[in-house]
Amino acid sequence: MDREGFKTWLLSKGELKPKLVKDVLSRAKRVEDAFQAVDPSFSYESEYERDKGLSFVSLISRRGVSIESKVDLPIGTNQMDSISSAAKKYIKYLSETLK
């Protein structure tokens, strides 16, 4: 995960205050760590290369209820909304930077 590039990208959008940018970075990293604990080869970049991240975004959408593996995330909770939103932002970052 390109934390510095993602942080710069988030700040350049001007939509989030620095505190929220820090929260988004932390949540996106949490998702990456949770999936890597189950599958060490997981990365946002590999998900993006596979199908532009569409399968992954679909998987984590709707509070992650479609996730069948034992990832350490609050599946099915309100908290999962903000966590999946951060992961989706990282996929969007990749779509704008890896053209």
C-alpha atoms as a PDB file:
ATOM      1  CA  MET A   1       0.000   0.000   0.000  1.00  0.00           C
ATOM      2  CA  ASP A   2       1.339   3.394  -1.011  1.00  0.00           C
ATOM      3  CA  ARG A   3       0.478   5.318   2.174  1.00  0.00           C
ATOM      4  CA  GLU A   4       2.304   8.527   1.253  1.00  0.00           C
ATOM      5  CA  GLY A   5       0.902   8.680  -2.267  1.00  0.00           C
ATOM      6  CA  PHE A   6      -2.595   7.911  -0.987  1.00  0.00           C
ATOM      7  CA  LYS A   7      -2.289  10.579   1.714  1.00  0.00           C
ATOM      8  CA  THR A   8      -1.133  13.175  -0.802  1.00  0.00           C
ATOM      9  CA  TRP A   9      -3.967  12.200  -3.156  1.00  0.00           C
ATOM     10  CA  LEU A  10      -6.590  12.459  -0.396  1.00  0.00           C
ATOM     11  CA  LEU A  11      -5.306  15.867   0.705  1.00  0.00           C
ATOM     12  CA  SER A  12      -5.175  17.117  -2.897  1.00  0.00           C
ATOM     13  CA  LYS A  13      -8.869  16.344  -3.312  1.00  0.00           C
ATOM     14  CA  GLY A  14      -9.620  18.885  -0.586  1.00  0.00           C
ATOM     15  CA  GLU A  15     -12.665  16.933   0.562  1.00  0.00           C
ATOM     16  CA  LEU A  16     -11.286  15.713   3.898  1.00  0.00           C
ATOM     17  CA  LYS A  17      -9.639  17.460   6.798  1.00  0.00           C
ATOM     18  CA  PRO A  18      -6.212  16.137   7.836  1.00  0.00           C
ATOM     19  CA  LYS A  19      -7.680  14.210  10.808  1.00  0.00           C
ATOM     20  CA  LEU A  20     -10.113  12.404   8.514  1.00  0.00           C
ATOM     21  CA  VAL A  21      -7.313  11.668   6.048  1.00  0.00           C
ATOM     22  CA  LYS A  22      -5.428   9.978   8.889  1.00  0.00           C
ATOM     23  CA  ASP A  23      -8.535   7.931   9.724  1.00  0.00           C
ATOM     24  CA  VAL A  24      -8.995   6.848   6.087  1.00  0.00           C
ATOM     25  CA  LEU A  25      -5.339   5.806   5.861  1.00  0.00           C
ATOM     26  CA  SER A  26      -5.658   3.771   9.042  1.00  0.00           C
ATOM     27  CA  ARG A  27      -8.865   2.062   7.912  1.00  0.00           C
ATOM     28  CA  ALA A  28      -7.499   1.208   4.467  1.00  0.00           C
ATOM     29  CA  LYS A  29      -4.390  -0.285   6.084  1.00  0.00           C
ATOM     30  CA  ARG A  30      -6.588  -2.248   8.493  1.00  0.00           C
ATOM     31  CA  VAL A  31      -8.404  -3.842   5.547  1.00  0.00           C
ATOM     32  CA  GLU A  32      -5.133  -4.705   3.840  1.00  0.00           C
ATOM     33  CA  ASP A  33      -3.713  -6.227   7.032  1.00  0.00           C
ATOM     34  CA  ALA A  34      -6.894  -8.250   7.674  1.00  0.00           C
ATOM     35  CA  PHE A  35      -6.902  -9.763   4.187  1.00  0.00           C
ATOM     36  CA  GLN A  36      -3.133 -10.390   4.238  1.00  0.00           C
ATOM     37  CA  ALA A  37      -3.544 -12.343   7.487  1.00  0.00           C
ATOM     38  CA  VAL A  38      -5.783 -14.761   5.557  1.00  0.00           C
ATOM     39  CA  ASP A  39      -3.917 -14.557   2.235  1.00  0.00           C
ATOM     40  CA  PRO A  40      -0.358 -13.156   2.408  1.00  0.00           C
ATOM     41  CA  SER A  41      -0.390 -12.475  -1.345  1.00  0.00           C
ATOM     42  CA  PHE A  42      -3.284 -10.008  -1.020  1.00  0.00           C
ATOM     43  CA  SER A  43      -2.680  -6.410  -2.049  1.00  0.00           C
ATOM     44  CA  TYR A  44      -4.899  -3.633  -3.301  1.00  0.00           C
ATOM     45  CA  GLU A  45      -2.637  -3.400  -6.324  1.00  0.00           C
ATOM     46  CA  SER A  46      -3.128  -7.059  -7.254  1.00  0.00           C
ATOM     47  CA  GLU A  47      -6.889  -6.675  -6.834  1.00  0.00           C
ATOM     48  CA  TYR A  48      -6.786  -3.618  -9.078  1.00  0.00           C
ATOM     49  CA  GLU A  49      -4.688  -5.407 -11.704  1.00  0.00           C
ATOM     50  CA  ARG A  50      -7.060  -8.371 -11.740  1.00  0.00           C
ATOM     51  CA  ASP A  51     -10.275  -6.514 -12.604  1.00  0.00           C
ATOM     52  CA  LYS A  52      -9.807  -2.866 -11.665  1.00  0.00           C
ATOM     53  CA  GLY A  53     -10.769  -3.807  -8.104  1.00  0.00           C
ATOM     54  CA  LEU A  54     -14.394  -4.486  -9.016  1.00  0.00           C
ATOM     55  CA  SER A  55     -14.557  -7.916  -7.363  1.00  0.00           C
ATOM     56  CA  PHE A  56     -12.935  -6.610  -4.197  1.00  0.00           C
ATOM     57  CA  VAL A  57     -15.208  -3.563  -4.002  1.00  0.00           C
ATOM     58  CA  SER A  58     -18.218  -5.830  -4.465  1.00  0.00           C
ATOM     59  CA  LEU A  59     -16.927  -8.138  -1.740  1.00  0.00           C
ATOM     60  CA  ILE A  60     -16.517  -5.415   0.881  1.00  0.00           C
ATOM     61  CA  SER A  61     -19.704  -3.558  -0.037  1.00  0.00           C
ATOM     62  CA  ARG A  62     -22.886  -3.940   1.988  1.00  0.00           C
ATOM     63  CA  ARG A  63     -20.966  -4.109   5.256  1.00  0.00           C
ATOM     64  CA  GLY A  64     -18.879  -6.986   3.969  1.00  0.00           C
ATOM     65  CA  VAL A  65     -21.586  -9.588   4.448  1.00  0.00           C
ATOM     66  CA  SER A  66     -20.334 -11.425   1.331  1.00  0.00           C
ATOM     67  CA  ILE A  67     -16.906 -12.039   2.880  1.00  0.00           C
ATOM     68  CA  GLU A  68     -16.628 -15.763   3.544  1.00  0.00           C
ATOM     69  CA  SER A  69     -13.055 -15.913   4.852  1.00  0.00           C
ATOM     70  CA  LYS A  70     -12.234 -15.302   8.509  1.00  0.00           C
ATOM     71  CA  VAL A  71     -10.915 -11.751   8.183  1.00  0.00           C
ATOM     72  CA  ASP A  72     -10.564  -9.719  11.365  1.00  0.00           C
ATOM     73  CA  LEU A  73     -13.046  -6.995  10.426  1.00  0.00           C
ATOM     74  CA  PRO A  74     -16.388  -6.006  11.967  1.00  0.00           C
ATOM     75  CA  ILE A  75     -18.459  -7.701   9.249  1.00  0.00           C
ATOM     76  CA  GLY A  76     -22.109  -6.667   9.191  1.00  0.00           C
ATOM     77  CA  THR A  77     -21.718  -3.656  11.474  1.00  0.00           C
ATOM     78  CA  ASN A  78     -22.061   0.092  10.954  1.00  0.00           C
ATOM     79  CA  GLN A  79     -18.313   0.369  11.548  1.00  0.00           C
ATOM     80  CA  MET A  80     -17.729  -1.720   8.434  1.00  0.00           C
ATOM     81  CA  ASP A  81     -19.297   1.048   6.335  1.00  0.00           C
ATOM     82  CA  SER A  82     -16.472   3.472   7.092  1.00  0.00           C
ATOM     83  CA  ILE A  83     -13.847   0.734   6.792  1.00  0.00           C
ATOM     84  CA  SER A  84     -15.090  -0.361   3.365  1.00  0.00           C
ATOM     85  CA  SER A  85     -15.372   3.274   2.282  1.00  0.00           C
ATOM     86  CA  ALA A  86     -11.661   3.751   3.004  1.00  0.00           C
ATOM     87  CA  ALA A  87     -10.772   0.650   0.993  1.00  0.00           C
ATOM     88  CA  LYS A  88     -12.916   1.878  -1.909  1.00  0.00           C
ATOM     89  CA  LYS A  89     -11.124   5.233  -1.776  1.00  0.00           C
ATOM     90  CA  TYR A  90      -7.805   3.403  -2.111  1.00  0.00           C
ATOM     91  CA  ILE A  91      -9.085   1.545  -5.184  1.00  0.00           C
ATOM     92  CA  LYS A  92     -10.200   4.903  -6.621  1.00  0.00           C
ATOM     93  CA  TYR A  93      -6.733   6.284  -5.886  1.00  0.00           C
ATOM     94  CA  LEU A  94      -5.228   3.379  -7.825  1.00  0.00           C
ATOM     95  CA  SER A  95      -7.620   3.949 -10.720  1.00  0.00           C
ATOM     96  CA  GLU A  96      -6.455   7.559 -11.009  1.00  0.00           C
ATOM     97  CA  THR A  97      -2.747   6.895 -10.553  1.00  0.00           C
ATOM     98  CA  LEU A  98      -2.162   3.589 -12.380  1.00  0.00           C
ATOM     99  CA  LYS A  99      -3.866   4.504 -15.655  1.00  0.00           C
END
